[in-house]
């Protein structure tokens, strides 16, 4: 449904809250993948981890930008020896996702990689209908299908230990609560998202993909209880990312949008402290994802069918 006055009120109240400082955790010897770390939220999360002595694998499409990020992260490591690696990945290309996952497996088997966490920050906000050669609408492929494909491929490689539970943190958005779910195709969800005749516009498409992503995070929580998962929303951020949203959201982002580093704390905190799966994280604490229809039979059917659609892709690339 379109955002209600009550939703805007909750958003405003959220934006006015002060984000607490992050704890000074020691992540020595821990390794995290951070996708989309060349800018924005992903970059700030990577900085948070580097300053706490974590080893970081940057999943980045632009390798030149990755080298610059690596230099910045090494400076933040407080003279501690951390390992920062740059691995290429393109969320518009399933083969690239599979190559990245295979490299993870190779490093786990022969290189001594112990993967403790993954932060999924890579995302796309399109400005109109655009499709990949294999028939996927681009925002759908990046924000939903490729993200869950990568998660499913690397889950078997996660290192769980008693003192630090393996975890996956997905960058979500409160805007997903405003999706017009009544227009979802329950039986063929991905086919609907890839159908140009049913394209709802770029703003709603972004929201749709984030709502669908939330349903799949919940699926992961159920299917993999040994790993801690969370959908974490950074809140409105005063960054170029929101410049194409509607007037109300753009105005709020400009006036009350959080600085990127402060917004990233909503993502970094569960990376540091998550010990069990939490459906949603907002304002640096567990919160309720306010879209009750997802818990109804139709919502559960939709989530299951999105999973089944992505499963067909996963079956082609399982490592």
Foldseek 3Di string as FASTA:
>chain_A
DADDPVNVVVQVVQLPDFFDDADLAAQAPAEEEFEPCLDFLSVLLLLVQLLNHYAYEYAYQDVVSVVVSVVVSVVNNVPDDHHYHYQYADLQDLVRLLVVLVVLVCCVVPVVDAHQEYEYDDADQDQAFDADPVQAGRRLSRLALSVVLSVVQCVVRHHADDVGQREYEYEAALLLLRAPCVPADLQARRVLNSDNVNDPGRQNNNSVSRVLRLLVQVVCCVVCFSYAYEHFYLRQALDPVCVPPDPVSNVCSNPSHHHRSSSSLSRNNCVRDPDGYASYTGSNGGDDSNNCCLVPPSNNSSNVNSVVVSVVVSVVSRD
